[in-house]
PDB file of N, CA and C in Angstrom:
ATOM      1  N   UNK A   1       0.874  -1.094  -0.264  1.00  0.00           N
ATOM      2  CA  UNK A   1       0.008   0.015  -0.027  1.00  0.00           C
ATOM      3  C   UNK A   1       1.020   1.190  -0.013  1.00  0.00           C
ATOM      4  N   UNK A   2       0.588   2.152  -0.715  1.00  0.00           N
ATOM      5  CA  UNK A   2       1.406   3.400  -1.046  1.00  0.00           C
ATOM      6  C   UNK A   2       0.959   4.329   0.194  1.00  0.00           C
ATOM      7  N   UNK A   3       1.951   5.131   0.611  1.00  0.00           N
ATOM      8  CA  UNK A   3       1.678   6.164   1.749  1.00  0.00           C
ATOM      9  C   UNK A   3       0.440   6.888   1.616  1.00  0.00           C
ATOM     10  N   UNK A   4       0.011   7.350   0.260  1.00  0.00           N
ATOM     11  CA  UNK A   4      -1.148   8.305   0.224  1.00  0.00           C
ATOM     12  C   UNK A   4      -2.354   7.254   0.512  1.00  0.00           C
ATOM     13  N   UNK A   5      -2.234   6.267   0.207  1.00  0.00           N
ATOM     14  CA  UNK A   5      -3.298   5.074   0.451  1.00  0.00           C
ATOM     15  C   UNK A   5      -3.622   4.747   1.737  1.00  0.00           C
ATOM     16  N   UNK A   6      -2.462   4.771   2.570  1.00  0.00           N
ATOM     17  CA  UNK A   6      -2.637   4.569   4.056  1.00  0.00           C
ATOM     18  C   UNK A   6      -3.235   5.662   4.635  1.00  0.00           C
ATOM     19  N   UNK A   7      -2.651   6.888   4.060  1.00  0.00           N
ATOM     20  CA  UNK A   7      -3.219   8.107   4.681  1.00  0.00           C
ATOM     21  C   UNK A   7      -4.682   8.299   4.461  1.00  0.00           C
ATOM     22  N   UNK A   8      -4.946   8.193   3.179  1.00  0.00           N
ATOM     23  CA  UNK A   8      -6.333   8.268   2.931  1.00  0.00           C
ATOM     24  C   UNK A   8      -7.339   7.305   3.700  1.00  0.00           C
ATOM     25  N   UNK A   9      -6.879   6.019   3.936  1.00  0.00           N
ATOM     26  CA  UNK A   9      -7.638   5.065   4.871  1.00  0.00           C
ATOM     27  C   UNK A   9      -7.702   5.522   6.248  1.00  0.00           C
ATOM     28  N   UNK A  10      -6.526   5.890   6.790  1.00  0.00           N
ATOM     29  CA  UNK A  10      -6.715   6.223   8.204  1.00  0.00           C
ATOM     30  C   UNK A  10      -7.664   7.564   8.298  1.00  0.00           C
ATOM     31  N   UNK A  11      -7.676   8.383   7.366  1.00  0.00           N
ATOM     32  CA  UNK A  11      -8.447   9.463   7.513  1.00  0.00           C
ATOM     33  C   UNK A  11      -9.940   9.678   6.937  1.00  0.00           C
ATOM     34  N   UNK A  12     -10.420   8.470   6.538  1.00  0.00           N
ATOM     35  CA  UNK A  12     -11.655   8.141   6.169  1.00  0.00           C
ATOM     36  C   UNK A  12     -12.168   6.992   6.867  1.00  0.00           C
ATOM     37  N   UNK A  13     -12.158   5.823   6.339  1.00  0.00           N
ATOM     38  CA  UNK A  13     -12.714   4.630   6.603  1.00  0.00           C
ATOM     39  C   UNK A  13     -12.351   4.486   8.177  1.00  0.00           C
ATOM     40  N   UNK A  14     -11.133   4.564   8.740  1.00  0.00           N
ATOM     41  CA  UNK A  14     -10.711   4.037   9.953  1.00  0.00           C
ATOM     42  C   UNK A  14     -11.020   5.412  11.100  1.00  0.00           C
ATOM     43  N   UNK A  15     -11.627   6.378  10.543  1.00  0.00           N
ATOM     44  CA  UNK A  15     -12.062   7.408  11.466  1.00  0.00           C
ATOM     45  C   UNK A  15     -13.436   8.012  11.064  1.00  0.00           C
ATOM     46  N   UNK A  16     -14.213   7.056  10.749  1.00  0.00           N
ATOM     47  CA  UNK A  16     -15.526   7.333  10.166  1.00  0.00           C
ATOM     48  C   UNK A  16     -16.453   8.188  11.279  1.00  0.00           C
ATOM     49  N   UNK A  17     -16.065   8.132  12.444  1.00  0.00           N
ATOM     50  CA  UNK A  17     -17.041   8.830  13.454  1.00  0.00           C
ATOM     51  C   UNK A  17     -17.022  10.375  13.069  1.00  0.00           C
ATOM     52  N   UNK A  18     -15.957  10.999  12.494  1.00  0.00           N
ATOM     53  CA  UNK A  18     -15.937  12.492  12.189  1.00  0.00           C
ATOM     54  C   UNK A  18     -16.762  12.765  11.125  1.00  0.00           C
ATOM     55  N   UNK A  19     -17.012  11.919  10.088  1.00  0.00           N
ATOM     56  CA  UNK A  19     -17.974  12.268   9.137  1.00  0.00           C
ATOM     57  C   UNK A  19     -19.313  11.892   9.642  1.00  0.00           C
ATOM     58  N   UNK A  20     -19.476  11.045  10.437  1.00  0.00           N
ATOM     59  CA  UNK A  20     -21.017  10.752  10.849  1.00  0.00           C
ATOM     60  C   UNK A  20     -21.366  12.066  12.100  1.00  0.00           C
ATOM     61  N   UNK A  21     -20.361  12.609  12.708  1.00  0.00           N
ATOM     62  CA  UNK A  21     -20.684  13.507  13.442  1.00  0.00           C
ATOM     63  C   UNK A  21     -21.070  15.015  12.371  1.00  0.00           C
ATOM     64  N   UNK A  22     -20.174  14.951  11.432  1.00  0.00           N
ATOM     65  CA  UNK A  22     -20.503  16.083  10.446  1.00  0.00           C
ATOM     66  C   UNK A  22     -21.814  15.977   9.776  1.00  0.00           C
ATOM     67  N   UNK A  23     -22.221  14.821   9.620  1.00  0.00           N
ATOM     68  CA  UNK A  23     -23.667  14.619   8.752  1.00  0.00           C
ATOM     69  C   UNK A  23     -24.720  14.994   9.773  1.00  0.00           C
ATOM     70  N   UNK A  24     -24.502  14.271  11.095  1.00  0.00           N
ATOM     71  CA  UNK A  24     -25.482  14.577  12.073  1.00  0.00           C
ATOM     72  C   UNK A  24     -25.565  16.105  12.370  1.00  0.00           C
ATOM     73  N   UNK A  25     -24.407  16.922  12.487  1.00  0.00           N
ATOM     74  CA  UNK A  25     -24.436  18.134  12.792  1.00  0.00           C
ATOM     75  C   UNK A  25     -25.126  18.896  11.634  1.00  0.00           C
ATOM     76  N   UNK A  26     -25.237  18.578  10.497  1.00  0.00           N
ATOM     77  CA  UNK A  26     -25.740  19.393   9.337  1.00  0.00           C
ATOM     78  C   UNK A  26     -27.066  18.983   9.199  1.00  0.00           C
ATOM     79  N   UNK A  27     -27.529  17.846   9.708  1.00  0.00           N
ATOM     80  CA  UNK A  27     -29.164  17.445   9.692  1.00  0.00           C
ATOM     81  C   UNK A  27     -29.966  18.395  10.474  1.00  0.00           C
ATOM     82  N   UNK A  28     -31.134  18.549   9.651  1.00  0.00           N
ATOM     83  CA  UNK A  28     -32.084  19.444  10.299  1.00  0.00           C
ATOM     84  C   UNK A  28     -33.109  18.650  11.149  1.00  0.00           C
ATOM     85  N   UNK A  29     -33.794  19.250  12.004  1.00  0.00           N
ATOM     86  CA  UNK A  29     -34.802  18.885  12.848  1.00  0.00           C
ATOM     87  C   UNK A  29     -35.997  18.215  11.896  1.00  0.00           C
ATOM     88  N   UNK A  30     -36.103  18.648  10.780  1.00  0.00           N
ATOM     89  CA  UNK A  30     -37.122  18.163   9.856  1.00  0.00           C
ATOM     90  C   UNK A  30     -36.777  16.935   9.123  1.00  0.00           C
ATOM     91  N   UNK A  31     -35.367  16.679   8.966  1.00  0.00           N
ATOM     92  CA  UNK A  31     -34.981  15.621   8.484  1.00  0.00           C
ATOM     93  C   UNK A  31     -33.855  15.057   9.209  1.00  0.00           C
ATOM     94  N   UNK A  32     -34.299  14.178  10.180  1.00  0.00           N
ATOM     95  CA  UNK A  32     -33.490  13.304  11.179  1.00  0.00           C
ATOM     96  C   UNK A  32     -32.672  12.355  10.099  1.00  0.00           C
ATOM     97  N   UNK A  33     -31.458  11.710  10.696  1.00  0.00           N
ATOM     98  CA  UNK A  33     -30.772  10.783   9.952  1.00  0.00           C
ATOM     99  C   UNK A  33     -30.927   9.350  10.432  1.00  0.00           C
ATOM    100  N   UNK A  34     -31.228   8.398   9.654  1.00  0.00           N
ATOM    101  CA  UNK A  34     -31.254   7.264   9.941  1.00  0.00           C
ATOM    102  C   UNK A  34     -30.130   6.411   9.590  1.00  0.00           C
ATOM    103  N   UNK A  35     -29.738   5.309  10.468  1.00  0.00           N
ATOM    104  CA  UNK A  35     -28.632   4.705  10.333  1.00  0.00           C
ATOM    105  C   UNK A  35     -28.464   4.243   8.922  1.00  0.00           C
ATOM    106  N   UNK A  36     -29.350   3.607   8.220  1.00  0.00           N
ATOM    107  CA  UNK A  36     -29.039   3.111   6.746  1.00  0.00           C
ATOM    108  C   UNK A  36     -28.869   4.173   5.778  1.00  0.00           C
ATOM    109  N   UNK A  37     -29.066   5.423   6.281  1.00  0.00           N
ATOM    110  CA  UNK A  37     -28.633   6.549   5.209  1.00  0.00           C
ATOM    111  C   UNK A  37     -27.238   6.854   5.064  1.00  0.00           C
ATOM    112  N   UNK A  38     -26.470   6.695   6.280  1.00  0.00           N
ATOM    113  CA  UNK A  38     -25.204   7.017   6.525  1.00  0.00           C
ATOM    114  C   UNK A  38     -24.314   6.668   5.278  1.00  0.00           C
ATOM    115  N   UNK A  39     -24.169   5.399   5.136  1.00  0.00           N
ATOM    116  CA  UNK A  39     -23.192   5.090   3.886  1.00  0.00           C
ATOM    117  C   UNK A  39     -23.444   6.023   2.672  1.00  0.00           C
ATOM    118  N   UNK A  40     -24.675   5.931   2.390  1.00  0.00           N
ATOM    119  CA  UNK A  40     -24.974   6.749   1.130  1.00  0.00           C
ATOM    120  C   UNK A  40     -24.680   8.378   1.229  1.00  0.00           C
ATOM    121  N   UNK A  41     -24.878   8.853   2.294  1.00  0.00           N
ATOM    122  CA  UNK A  41     -24.497  10.293   2.652  1.00  0.00           C
ATOM    123  C   UNK A  41     -23.153  10.534   2.810  1.00  0.00           C
ATOM    124  N   UNK A  42     -22.406   9.577   3.379  1.00  0.00           N
ATOM    125  CA  UNK A  42     -20.869   9.681   3.502  1.00  0.00           C
ATOM    126  C   UNK A  42     -20.367   9.566   1.995  1.00  0.00           C
ATOM    127  N   UNK A  43     -20.832   8.491   1.020  1.00  0.00           N
ATOM    128  CA  UNK A  43     -20.262   8.353  -0.206  1.00  0.00           C
ATOM    129  C   UNK A  43     -20.541   9.830  -1.065  1.00  0.00           C
ATOM    130  N   UNK A  44     -21.741  10.171  -0.936  1.00  0.00           N
ATOM    131  CA  UNK A  44     -22.138  11.482  -1.491  1.00  0.00           C
ATOM    132  C   UNK A  44     -21.316  12.802  -1.243  1.00  0.00           C
ATOM    133  N   UNK A  45     -21.306  12.905  -0.051  1.00  0.00           N
ATOM    134  CA  UNK A  45     -20.761  14.115   0.766  1.00  0.00           C
ATOM    135  C   UNK A  45     -19.141  13.999   0.618  1.00  0.00           C
ATOM    136  N   UNK A  46     -18.692  12.965   0.934  1.00  0.00           N
ATOM    137  CA  UNK A  46     -17.203  12.913   1.291  1.00  0.00           C
ATOM    138  C   UNK A  46     -16.381  11.971   0.291  1.00  0.00           C
ATOM    139  N   UNK A  47     -17.006  11.312  -0.572  1.00  0.00           N
ATOM    140  CA  UNK A  47     -16.431  10.694  -1.809  1.00  0.00           C
ATOM    141  C   UNK A  47     -15.724   9.322  -1.373  1.00  0.00           C
ATOM    142  N   UNK A  48     -16.090   8.597  -0.492  1.00  0.00           N
ATOM    143  CA  UNK A  48     -15.684   7.277  -0.027  1.00  0.00           C
ATOM    144  C   UNK A  48     -16.610   6.453   0.405  1.00  0.00           C
ATOM    145  N   UNK A  49     -16.692   5.120   0.470  1.00  0.00           N
ATOM    146  CA  UNK A  49     -17.834   4.207   0.721  1.00  0.00           C
ATOM    147  C   UNK A  49     -17.268   3.448   1.841  1.00  0.00           C
ATOM    148  N   UNK A  50     -18.116   3.655   3.111  1.00  0.00           N
ATOM    149  CA  UNK A  50     -17.843   2.956   4.382  1.00  0.00           C
ATOM    150  C   UNK A  50     -18.447   1.544   4.095  1.00  0.00           C
ATOM    151  N   UNK A  51     -18.204   0.442   5.036  1.00  0.00           N
ATOM    152  CA  UNK A  51     -18.396  -0.753   4.898  1.00  0.00           C
ATOM    153  C   UNK A  51     -19.984  -0.855   5.406  1.00  0.00           C
ATOM    154  N   UNK A  52     -20.682  -1.905   5.139  1.00  0.00           N
ATOM    155  CA  UNK A  52     -22.102  -1.728   5.491  1.00  0.00           C
ATOM    156  C   UNK A  52     -22.481  -1.872   7.030  1.00  0.00           C
ATOM    157  N   UNK A  53     -21.704  -2.674   7.609  1.00  0.00           N
ATOM    158  CA  UNK A  53     -21.847  -2.608   9.308  1.00  0.00           C
ATOM    159  C   UNK A  53     -21.225  -1.631  10.017  1.00  0.00           C
ATOM    160  N   UNK A  54     -20.073  -0.932   9.330  1.00  0.00           N
ATOM    161  CA  UNK A  54     -19.391  -0.083  10.081  1.00  0.00           C
ATOM    162  C   UNK A  54     -20.198   1.119  10.770  1.00  0.00           C
ATOM    163  N   UNK A  55     -21.049   1.838   9.890  1.00  0.00           N
ATOM    164  CA  UNK A  55     -21.679   2.804  10.452  1.00  0.00           C
ATOM    165  C   UNK A  55     -22.528   2.740  11.616  1.00  0.00           C
ATOM    166  N   UNK A  56     -23.258   1.275  11.613  1.00  0.00           N
ATOM    167  CA  UNK A  56     -23.890   1.003  12.886  1.00  0.00           C
ATOM    168  C   UNK A  56     -23.010   0.846  14.036  1.00  0.00           C
ATOM    169  N   UNK A  57     -21.886   0.170  13.829  1.00  0.00           N
ATOM    170  CA  UNK A  57     -20.886   0.240  14.933  1.00  0.00           C
ATOM    171  C   UNK A  57     -20.521   1.570  15.422  1.00  0.00           C
ATOM    172  N   UNK A  58     -20.087   2.572  14.321  1.00  0.00           N
ATOM    173  CA  UNK A  58     -19.762   3.786  14.812  1.00  0.00           C
ATOM    174  C   UNK A  58     -20.719   4.516  15.745  1.00  0.00           C
ATOM    175  N   UNK A  59     -22.241   4.372  14.972  1.00  0.00           N
ATOM    176  CA  UNK A  59     -23.173   5.041  16.052  1.00  0.00           C
ATOM    177  C   UNK A  59     -23.470   4.554  17.354  1.00  0.00           C
ATOM    178  N   UNK A  60     -23.305   3.270  17.397  1.00  0.00           N
ATOM    179  CA  UNK A  60     -23.530   2.670  18.806  1.00  0.00           C
ATOM    180  C   UNK A  60     -22.493   3.065  19.591  1.00  0.00           C
ATOM    181  N   UNK A  61     -21.229   3.309  19.407  1.00  0.00           N
ATOM    182  CA  UNK A  61     -20.038   3.647  20.026  1.00  0.00           C
ATOM    183  C   UNK A  61     -20.427   5.163  20.544  1.00  0.00           C
ATOM    184  N   UNK A  62     -20.713   6.038  19.421  1.00  0.00           N
ATOM    185  CA  UNK A  62     -20.866   7.373  19.612  1.00  0.00           C
ATOM    186  C   UNK A  62     -22.175   7.676  20.679  1.00  0.00           C
ATOM    187  N   UNK A  63     -23.022   6.664  20.464  1.00  0.00           N
ATOM    188  CA  UNK A  63     -24.327   6.938  21.398  1.00  0.00           C
ATOM    189  C   UNK A  63     -23.918   6.680  23.029  1.00  0.00           C
ATOM    190  N   UNK A  64     -23.098   5.410  22.993  1.00  0.00           N
ATOM    191  CA  UNK A  64     -22.634   5.063  24.195  1.00  0.00           C
ATOM    192  C   UNK A  64     -21.651   5.964  24.897  1.00  0.00           C
ATOM    193  N   UNK A  65     -21.009   6.615  24.419  1.00  0.00           N
ATOM    194  CA  UNK A  65     -20.331   7.546  25.029  1.00  0.00           C
ATOM    195  C   UNK A  65     -20.781   9.136  25.045  1.00  0.00           C
ATOM    196  N   UNK A  66     -22.106   9.122  24.521  1.00  0.00           N
ATOM    197  CA  UNK A  66     -22.708  10.523  24.733  1.00  0.00           C
ATOM    198  C   UNK A  66     -22.567  11.694  23.589  1.00  0.00           C
ATOM    199  N   UNK A  67     -21.946  11.219  22.428  1.00  0.00           N
ATOM    200  CA  UNK A  67     -21.535  12.016  21.262  1.00  0.00           C
ATOM    201  C   UNK A  67     -22.912  12.237  20.421  1.00  0.00           C
ATOM    202  N   UNK A  68     -23.791  11.171  20.596  1.00  0.00           N
ATOM    203  CA  UNK A  68     -25.120  11.338  19.617  1.00  0.00           C
ATOM    204  C   UNK A  68     -26.249  10.531  20.564  1.00  0.00           C
ATOM    205  N   UNK A  69     -27.337  10.750  20.249  1.00  0.00           N
ATOM    206  CA  UNK A  69     -28.650  10.231  20.808  1.00  0.00           C
ATOM    207  C   UNK A  69     -29.606   9.713  19.884  1.00  0.00           C
ATOM    208  N   UNK A  70     -30.171   8.747  20.149  1.00  0.00           N
ATOM    209  CA  UNK A  70     -31.185   8.203  19.110  1.00  0.00           C
ATOM    210  C   UNK A  70     -32.555   8.218  19.847  1.00  0.00           C
ATOM    211  N   UNK A  71     -33.396   8.178  18.967  1.00  0.00           N
ATOM    212  CA  UNK A  71     -34.952   7.977  19.490  1.00  0.00           C
ATOM    213  C   UNK A  71     -35.708   7.121  18.226  1.00  0.00           C
ATOM    214  N   UNK A  72     -36.698   6.762  18.738  1.00  0.00           N
ATOM    215  CA  UNK A  72     -37.634   6.011  17.690  1.00  0.00           C
ATOM    216  C   UNK A  72     -38.642   6.923  17.087  1.00  0.00           C
ATOM    217  N   UNK A  73     -38.616   7.016  15.750  1.00  0.00           N
ATOM    218  CA  UNK A  73     -39.801   7.878  15.123  1.00  0.00           C
ATOM    219  C   UNK A  73     -40.512   6.864  14.079  1.00  0.00           C
ATOM    220  N   UNK A  74     -41.644   6.835  14.371  1.00  0.00           N
ATOM    221  CA  UNK A  74     -42.262   5.889  13.292  1.00  0.00           C
ATOM    222  C   UNK A  74     -41.697   4.534  13.115  1.00  0.00           C
ATOM    223  N   UNK A  75     -41.550   3.920  14.102  1.00  0.00           N
ATOM    224  CA  UNK A  75     -40.864   2.522  14.155  1.00  0.00           C
ATOM    225  C   UNK A  75     -39.415   2.599  13.516  1.00  0.00           C
ATOM    226  N   UNK A  76     -38.852   3.668  13.324  1.00  0.00           N
ATOM    227  CA  UNK A  76     -37.400   3.802  12.798  1.00  0.00           C
ATOM    228  C   UNK A  76     -36.588   4.629  13.663  1.00  0.00           C
ATOM    229  N   UNK A  77     -35.306   4.161  14.086  1.00  0.00           N
ATOM    230  CA  UNK A  77     -34.568   4.916  14.982  1.00  0.00           C
ATOM    231  C   UNK A  77     -33.832   5.968  14.213  1.00  0.00           C
ATOM    232  N   UNK A  78     -33.888   7.222  14.899  1.00  0.00           N
ATOM    233  CA  UNK A  78     -33.303   8.293  14.116  1.00  0.00           C
ATOM    234  C   UNK A  78     -32.033   8.808  15.130  1.00  0.00           C
ATOM    235  N   UNK A  79     -30.962   9.498  14.589  1.00  0.00           N
ATOM    236  CA  UNK A  79     -29.932  10.068  15.308  1.00  0.00           C
ATOM    237  C   UNK A  79     -29.841  11.380  15.241  1.00  0.00           C
ATOM    238  N   UNK A  80     -29.326  11.794  16.281  1.00  0.00           N
ATOM    239  CA  UNK A  80     -29.023  13.539  16.361  1.00  0.00           C
ATOM    240  C   UNK A  80     -27.672  13.509  17.361  1.00  0.00           C
ATOM    241  N   UNK A  81     -27.055  14.555  16.779  1.00  0.00           N
ATOM    242  CA  UNK A  81     -25.853  14.885  17.566  1.00  0.00           C
ATOM    243  C   UNK A  81     -26.003  15.500  18.857  1.00  0.00           C
ATOM    244  N   UNK A  82     -25.296  15.423  19.772  1.00  0.00           N
ATOM    245  CA  UNK A  82     -25.652  16.062  21.209  1.00  0.00           C
ATOM    246  C   UNK A  82     -24.527  17.187  21.350  1.00  0.00           C
ATOM    247  N   UNK A  83     -24.802  18.070  22.373  1.00  0.00           N
ATOM    248  CA  UNK A  83     -23.819  19.155  22.371  1.00  0.00           C
ATOM    249  C   UNK A  83     -22.338  18.709  22.537  1.00  0.00           C
ATOM    250  N   UNK A  84     -22.341  17.569  23.325  1.00  0.00           N
ATOM    251  CA  UNK A  84     -21.019  16.938  23.607  1.00  0.00           C
ATOM    252  C   UNK A  84     -20.427  16.557  22.212  1.00  0.00           C
ATOM    253  N   UNK A  85     -21.263  16.163  21.281  1.00  0.00           N
ATOM    254  CA  UNK A  85     -20.633  15.699  19.964  1.00  0.00           C
ATOM    255  C   UNK A  85     -20.439  16.739  19.105  1.00  0.00           C
ATOM    256  N   UNK A  86     -20.815  18.026  19.191  1.00  0.00           N
ATOM    257  CA  UNK A  86     -20.651  18.909  18.629  1.00  0.00           C
ATOM    258  C   UNK A  86     -19.200  19.507  18.950  1.00  0.00           C
ATOM    259  N   UNK A  87     -19.131  19.481  20.322  1.00  0.00           N
ATOM    260  CA  UNK A  87     -17.724  19.910  20.855  1.00  0.00           C
ATOM    261  C   UNK A  87     -16.587  19.156  20.314  1.00  0.00           C
ATOM    262  N   UNK A  88     -16.874  17.645  20.346  1.00  0.00           N
ATOM    263  CA  UNK A  88     -15.685  16.762  20.062  1.00  0.00           C
ATOM    264  C   UNK A  88     -15.599  16.781  18.383  1.00  0.00           C
ATOM    265  N   UNK A  89     -16.524  17.036  17.620  1.00  0.00           N
ATOM    266  CA  UNK A  89     -16.444  17.371  16.230  1.00  0.00           C
ATOM    267  C   UNK A  89     -15.582  18.773  15.926  1.00  0.00           C
ATOM    268  N   UNK A  90     -15.735  19.685  16.706  1.00  0.00           N
ATOM    269  CA  UNK A  90     -15.116  20.902  16.514  1.00  0.00           C
ATOM    270  C   UNK A  90     -13.569  20.660  16.990  1.00  0.00           C
ATOM    271  N   UNK A  91     -13.400  20.098  17.921  1.00  0.00           N
ATOM    272  CA  UNK A  91     -11.948  19.761  18.281  1.00  0.00           C
ATOM    273  C   UNK A  91     -11.091  18.873  17.210  1.00  0.00           C
ATOM    274  N   UNK A  92     -11.890  17.931  16.436  1.00  0.00           N
ATOM    275  CA  UNK A  92     -11.402  17.187  15.420  1.00  0.00           C
ATOM    276  C   UNK A  92     -11.144  18.236  14.324  1.00  0.00           C
ATOM    277  N   UNK A  93     -12.027  19.200  13.864  1.00  0.00           N
ATOM    278  CA  UNK A  93     -11.706  20.249  12.911  1.00  0.00           C
ATOM    279  C   UNK A  93     -10.556  21.007  13.286  1.00  0.00           C
ATOM    280  N   UNK A  94     -10.451  21.525  14.472  1.00  0.00           N
ATOM    281  CA  UNK A  94      -9.107  22.091  14.861  1.00  0.00           C
ATOM    282  C   UNK A  94      -7.897  21.447  14.772  1.00  0.00           C
ATOM    283  N   UNK A  95      -7.985  20.142  15.137  1.00  0.00           N
ATOM    284  CA  UNK A  95      -6.848  19.202  15.019  1.00  0.00           C
ATOM    285  C   UNK A  95      -6.272  19.065  13.652  1.00  0.00           C
ATOM    286  N   UNK A  96      -7.423  18.857  12.618  1.00  0.00           N
ATOM    287  CA  UNK A  96      -6.812  18.850  11.334  1.00  0.00           C
ATOM    288  C   UNK A  96      -6.507  20.249  10.750  1.00  0.00           C
ATOM    289  N   UNK A  97      -6.942  21.243  11.402  1.00  0.00           N
ATOM    290  CA  UNK A  97      -6.619  22.471  10.674  1.00  0.00           C
ATOM    291  C   UNK A  97      -5.161  22.754  11.100  1.00  0.00           C
ATOM    292  N   UNK A  98      -4.935  22.533  12.310  1.00  0.00           N
ATOM    293  CA  UNK A  98      -3.436  22.643  12.732  1.00  0.00           C
ATOM    294  C   UNK A  98      -2.379  21.884  11.920  1.00  0.00           C
ATOM    295  N   UNK A  99      -2.743  20.711  11.672  1.00  0.00           N
ATOM    296  CA  UNK A  99      -1.910  19.871  10.812  1.00  0.00           C
ATOM    297  C   UNK A  99      -1.914  20.549   9.360  1.00  0.00           C
ATOM    298  N   UNK A 100      -2.936  20.826   9.045  1.00  0.00           N
ATOM    299  CA  UNK A 100      -2.932  21.366   7.543  1.00  0.00           C
ATOM    300  C   UNK A 100      -2.085  22.724   7.535  1.00  0.00           C
ATOM    301  N   UNK A 101      -2.390  23.586   8.559  1.00  0.00           N
ATOM    302  CA  UNK A 101      -1.352  24.835   8.578  1.00  0.00           C
ATOM    303  C   UNK A 101       0.003  24.637   8.694  1.00  0.00           C
ATOM    304  N   UNK A 102       0.392  23.477   9.451  1.00  0.00           N
ATOM    305  CA  UNK A 102       1.842  23.175   9.530  1.00  0.00           C
ATOM    306  C   UNK A 102       2.419  22.651   8.220  1.00  0.00           C
ATOM    307  N   UNK A 103       1.561  21.948   7.432  1.00  0.00           N
ATOM    308  CA  UNK A 103       2.045  21.267   6.259  1.00  0.00           C
ATOM    309  C   UNK A 103       2.329  22.202   5.049  1.00  0.00           C
ATOM    310  N   UNK A 104       1.829  23.530   5.399  1.00  0.00           N
ATOM    311  CA  UNK A 104       2.127  24.463   4.255  1.00  0.00           C
ATOM    312  C   UNK A 104       3.549  24.691   3.822  1.00  0.00           C
TER     313      UNK A 104
END
């Protein structure tokens, strides 16, 4: 595997939580996000395709640690980002921005 391929993998598939939080942060109250939508949204918004099971595992971990919350709506579970999740997402953005600025 080439260095750029390793970099891309470690910053996309292996850190899917950043993309999930980003999608949940952008989601409106009128259109909450269902778990099954996440792979399609990630591919559309960010240009890579996560595994079929991975988004569910990521959502479970994010909910367990308080970064997202879920509720049942019309027999379907919807996910929303919490304030703790917003803060964690902002920290991730700052981290990437610092690295990007140092690489210039």
